[in-house]
Amino acid sequence: RAQRVRGGICSDITGCQSDMLSCCECEHFVIDSGQLEYFEEQLKQWEIKLERFSAFPIIKDNAEKNISTYETLIAKIKSVTGGERGE
């Protein structure tokens, strides 16, 4: 039932058809602290998109949601690792 997904492990993938961002918010998602740099890069990319597409409400709202998701994941990793790079 468990399967590796980008950024961590899904502890119960049975019947799941989520995309990555839905996966990040799922209760079955177990974060891989070694992927901290990946999550930080994703956060930067969404911040760029937010700035670039701020005049487009749908894209802006999506970017803000994704930024919040990645900030939460980064904070969780740092709380577990003591703020160190994902090791």
N, C-alpha and C. Protein backbone atom coordinates (compact mmCIF):
# COMPACT_ATOMS: atom_id res chain seq x y z
N ARG A 1 0.81 -1.20 0.00
CA ARG A 1 0.00 0.00 0.00
C ARG A 1 0.85 1.26 0.00
N ALA A 2 2.04 1.18 0.54
CA ALA A 2 2.93 2.35 0.56
C ALA A 2 3.70 2.42 -0.75
N GLN A 3 3.97 3.65 -1.17
CA GLN A 3 4.74 3.84 -2.41
C GLN A 3 5.48 5.16 -2.34
N ARG A 4 6.70 5.16 -2.89
CA ARG A 4 7.47 6.39 -2.94
C ARG A 4 6.85 7.33 -3.96
N VAL A 5 6.69 8.58 -3.56
CA VAL A 5 6.22 9.65 -4.43
C VAL A 5 7.22 10.79 -4.32
N ARG A 6 7.19 11.73 -5.25
CA ARG A 6 8.15 12.84 -5.22
C ARG A 6 8.04 13.58 -3.89
N GLY A 7 9.14 13.63 -3.16
CA GLY A 7 9.18 14.37 -1.91
C GLY A 7 8.87 13.56 -0.67
N GLY A 8 8.55 12.27 -0.84
CA GLY A 8 8.24 11.46 0.34
C GLY A 8 7.65 10.12 -0.02
N ILE A 9 6.79 9.66 0.87
CA ILE A 9 6.16 8.35 0.71
C ILE A 9 4.67 8.51 0.96
N CYS A 10 3.88 7.88 0.12
CA CYS A 10 2.45 7.78 0.39
C CYS A 10 2.26 6.50 1.19
N SER A 11 1.73 6.64 2.38
CA SER A 11 1.58 5.46 3.25
C SER A 11 0.37 4.60 2.87
N ASP A 12 -0.50 5.11 1.99
CA ASP A 12 -1.65 4.33 1.54
C ASP A 12 -2.08 4.81 0.16
N ILE A 13 -1.43 4.30 -0.87
CA ILE A 13 -1.67 4.78 -2.24
C ILE A 13 -2.87 4.09 -2.90
N THR A 14 -3.46 3.13 -2.20
CA THR A 14 -4.58 2.38 -2.75
C THR A 14 -5.68 3.32 -3.24
N GLY A 15 -5.92 3.31 -4.54
CA GLY A 15 -7.00 4.10 -5.11
C GLY A 15 -6.70 5.58 -5.26
N CYS A 16 -5.52 6.02 -4.93
CA CYS A 16 -5.18 7.44 -4.99
C CYS A 16 -4.91 7.85 -6.44
N GLN A 17 -5.45 9.00 -6.82
CA GLN A 17 -5.18 9.53 -8.15
C GLN A 17 -4.84 11.01 -8.04
N SER A 18 -4.21 11.39 -6.95
CA SER A 18 -3.87 12.79 -6.71
C SER A 18 -2.65 13.20 -7.49
N ASP A 19 -2.58 14.51 -7.78
CA ASP A 19 -1.34 15.05 -8.33
C ASP A 19 -0.42 15.40 -7.16
N MET A 20 0.77 15.87 -7.45
CA MET A 20 1.77 16.10 -6.41
C MET A 20 1.29 17.05 -5.32
N LEU A 21 0.67 18.16 -5.70
CA LEU A 21 0.29 19.13 -4.68
C LEU A 21 -0.83 18.60 -3.79
N SER A 22 -1.72 17.80 -4.34
CA SER A 22 -2.73 17.16 -3.50
C SER A 22 -2.06 16.17 -2.57
N CYS A 23 -1.06 15.50 -3.08
CA CYS A 23 -0.31 14.53 -2.28
C CYS A 23 0.33 15.23 -1.07
N CYS A 24 0.87 16.39 -1.29
CA CYS A 24 1.55 17.12 -0.21
C CYS A 24 0.61 17.49 0.93
N GLU A 25 -0.67 17.60 0.64
CA GLU A 25 -1.65 17.96 1.66
C GLU A 25 -2.38 16.75 2.22
N CYS A 26 -2.09 15.57 1.71
CA CYS A 26 -2.80 14.35 2.10
C CYS A 26 -2.30 13.84 3.45
N GLU A 27 -3.23 13.28 4.22
CA GLU A 27 -2.86 12.72 5.53
C GLU A 27 -1.96 11.50 5.41
N HIS A 28 -1.92 10.87 4.24
CA HIS A 28 -1.08 9.68 4.02
C HIS A 28 0.32 10.02 3.54
N PHE A 29 0.61 11.30 3.31
CA PHE A 29 1.91 11.72 2.80
C PHE A 29 2.91 11.82 3.95
N VAL A 30 4.02 11.11 3.82
CA VAL A 30 5.11 11.14 4.80
C VAL A 30 6.27 11.86 4.12
N ILE A 31 6.65 13.00 4.65
CA ILE A 31 7.68 13.85 4.04
C ILE A 31 9.06 13.20 4.17
N ASP A 32 9.84 13.27 3.11
CA ASP A 32 11.24 12.84 3.13
C ASP A 32 12.07 14.09 3.43
N SER A 33 12.63 14.16 4.62
CA SER A 33 13.39 15.35 5.03
C SER A 33 14.60 15.58 4.14
N GLY A 34 15.04 14.56 3.43
CA GLY A 34 16.16 14.70 2.50
C GLY A 34 15.79 15.48 1.25
N GLN A 35 14.51 15.79 1.09
CA GLN A 35 14.04 16.52 -0.07
C GLN A 35 13.83 18.00 0.21
N LEU A 36 14.41 18.51 1.28
CA LEU A 36 14.24 19.92 1.65
C LEU A 36 14.60 20.84 0.49
N GLU A 37 15.71 20.61 -0.16
CA GLU A 37 16.12 21.48 -1.27
C GLU A 37 15.08 21.46 -2.40
N TYR A 38 14.50 20.31 -2.67
CA TYR A 38 13.46 20.22 -3.70
C TYR A 38 12.27 21.11 -3.32
N PHE A 39 11.82 21.02 -2.08
CA PHE A 39 10.68 21.81 -1.64
C PHE A 39 11.01 23.30 -1.64
N GLU A 40 12.22 23.66 -1.25
CA GLU A 40 12.62 25.07 -1.28
C GLU A 40 12.66 25.60 -2.72
N GLU A 41 13.11 24.78 -3.65
CA GLU A 41 13.12 25.18 -5.06
C GLU A 41 11.70 25.36 -5.59
N GLN A 42 10.82 24.44 -5.23
CA GLN A 42 9.42 24.56 -5.65
C GLN A 42 8.81 25.84 -5.08
N LEU A 43 9.11 26.17 -3.84
CA LEU A 43 8.62 27.40 -3.23
C LEU A 43 9.09 28.61 -4.03
N LYS A 44 10.37 28.65 -4.37
CA LYS A 44 10.90 29.76 -5.16
C LYS A 44 10.19 29.89 -6.50
N GLN A 45 9.97 28.76 -7.17
CA GLN A 45 9.32 28.77 -8.48
C GLN A 45 7.89 29.32 -8.38
N TRP A 46 7.17 28.94 -7.34
CA TRP A 46 5.80 29.44 -7.17
C TRP A 46 5.80 30.92 -6.80
N GLU A 47 6.80 31.36 -6.06
CA GLU A 47 6.89 32.79 -5.75
C GLU A 47 7.14 33.61 -7.02
N ILE A 48 7.95 33.08 -7.92
CA ILE A 48 8.19 33.73 -9.21
C ILE A 48 6.89 33.79 -10.02
N LYS A 49 6.16 32.67 -10.04
CA LYS A 49 4.90 32.65 -10.77
C LYS A 49 3.90 33.63 -10.17
N LEU A 50 3.87 33.73 -8.85
CA LEU A 50 2.96 34.66 -8.20
C LEU A 50 3.25 36.08 -8.64
N GLU A 51 4.52 36.44 -8.67
CA GLU A 51 4.90 37.78 -9.08
C GLU A 51 4.59 38.01 -10.57
N ARG A 52 4.95 37.05 -11.38
CA ARG A 52 4.80 37.18 -12.83
C ARG A 52 3.34 37.23 -13.27
N PHE A 53 2.48 36.48 -12.61
CA PHE A 53 1.09 36.36 -13.04
C PHE A 53 0.11 36.98 -12.04
N SER A 54 0.56 37.97 -11.30
CA SER A 54 -0.28 38.58 -10.26
C SER A 54 -1.56 39.23 -10.82
N ALA A 55 -1.58 39.55 -12.10
CA ALA A 55 -2.77 40.16 -12.71
C ALA A 55 -3.82 39.13 -13.11
N PHE A 56 -3.51 37.86 -12.97
CA PHE A 56 -4.43 36.79 -13.35
C PHE A 56 -4.94 36.10 -12.08
N PRO A 57 -6.17 36.41 -11.66
CA PRO A 57 -6.68 35.92 -10.37
C PRO A 57 -6.59 34.41 -10.16
N ILE A 58 -6.91 33.62 -11.16
CA ILE A 58 -6.89 32.17 -10.98
C ILE A 58 -5.46 31.68 -10.73
N ILE A 59 -4.52 32.15 -11.52
CA ILE A 59 -3.12 31.75 -11.35
C ILE A 59 -2.59 32.28 -10.03
N LYS A 60 -2.93 33.51 -9.70
CA LYS A 60 -2.49 34.13 -8.44
C LYS A 60 -2.98 33.31 -7.25
N ASP A 61 -4.27 32.96 -7.24
CA ASP A 61 -4.82 32.17 -6.13
C ASP A 61 -4.15 30.81 -6.03
N ASN A 62 -3.92 30.16 -7.17
CA ASN A 62 -3.26 28.87 -7.19
C ASN A 62 -1.82 28.98 -6.66
N ALA A 63 -1.12 30.01 -7.08
CA ALA A 63 0.26 30.22 -6.62
C ALA A 63 0.29 30.45 -5.12
N GLU A 64 -0.62 31.26 -4.61
CA GLU A 64 -0.66 31.53 -3.17
C GLU A 64 -0.93 30.25 -2.38
N LYS A 65 -1.83 29.41 -2.88
CA LYS A 65 -2.13 28.14 -2.22
C LYS A 65 -0.90 27.24 -2.23
N ASN A 66 -0.23 27.14 -3.38
CA ASN A 66 0.94 26.28 -3.49
C ASN A 66 2.10 26.79 -2.64
N ILE A 67 2.26 28.09 -2.56
CA ILE A 67 3.30 28.68 -1.71
C ILE A 67 3.04 28.29 -0.26
N SER A 68 1.81 28.41 0.16
CA SER A 68 1.45 28.05 1.53
C SER A 68 1.73 26.56 1.80
N THR A 69 1.39 25.71 0.83
CA THR A 69 1.64 24.28 0.97
C THR A 69 3.13 23.99 1.15
N TYR A 70 3.95 24.58 0.28
CA TYR A 70 5.39 24.32 0.37
C TYR A 70 6.00 24.94 1.62
N GLU A 71 5.52 26.10 2.04
CA GLU A 71 6.02 26.69 3.28
C GLU A 71 5.72 25.78 4.47
N THR A 72 4.55 25.18 4.47
CA THR A 72 4.18 24.25 5.55
C THR A 72 5.08 23.03 5.55
N LEU A 73 5.33 22.46 4.37
CA LEU A 73 6.21 21.29 4.28
C LEU A 73 7.63 21.62 4.74
N ILE A 74 8.14 22.77 4.31
CA ILE A 74 9.49 23.19 4.70
C ILE A 74 9.57 23.38 6.21
N ALA A 75 8.55 24.01 6.79
CA ALA A 75 8.54 24.22 8.24
C ALA A 75 8.51 22.89 8.98
N LYS A 76 7.75 21.90 8.48
CA LYS A 76 7.70 20.59 9.11
C LYS A 76 9.07 19.91 9.07
N ILE A 77 9.72 19.98 7.92
CA ILE A 77 11.05 19.37 7.79
C ILE A 77 12.02 20.03 8.75
N LYS A 78 12.02 21.36 8.79
CA LYS A 78 12.95 22.08 9.65
C LYS A 78 12.67 21.83 11.12
N SER A 79 11.41 21.61 11.49
CA SER A 79 11.10 21.34 12.89
C SER A 79 11.63 19.97 13.31
N VAL A 80 11.64 19.03 12.36
CA VAL A 80 12.14 17.69 12.65
C VAL A 80 13.66 17.63 12.62
N THR A 81 14.28 18.38 11.70
CA THR A 81 15.72 18.31 11.52
C THR A 81 16.46 19.39 12.30
N GLY A 82 15.75 20.20 13.02
CA GLY A 82 16.39 21.27 13.77
C GLY A 82 16.80 22.43 12.88
N GLY A 83 16.16 22.56 11.73
CA GLY A 83 16.46 23.68 10.83
C GLY A 83 17.60 23.42 9.87
N GLU A 84 18.20 22.22 9.98
CA GLU A 84 19.32 21.88 9.08
C GLU A 84 18.79 21.51 7.71
N ARG A 85 19.66 21.53 6.71
CA ARG A 85 19.30 21.07 5.38
C ARG A 85 18.83 19.62 5.52
N GLY A 86 17.92 19.20 4.67
CA GLY A 86 17.34 17.86 4.79
C GLY A 86 18.37 16.75 4.74
N GLU A 87 18.72 16.23 5.89
CA GLU A 87 19.68 15.13 5.97
C GLU A 87 19.05 13.95 6.66
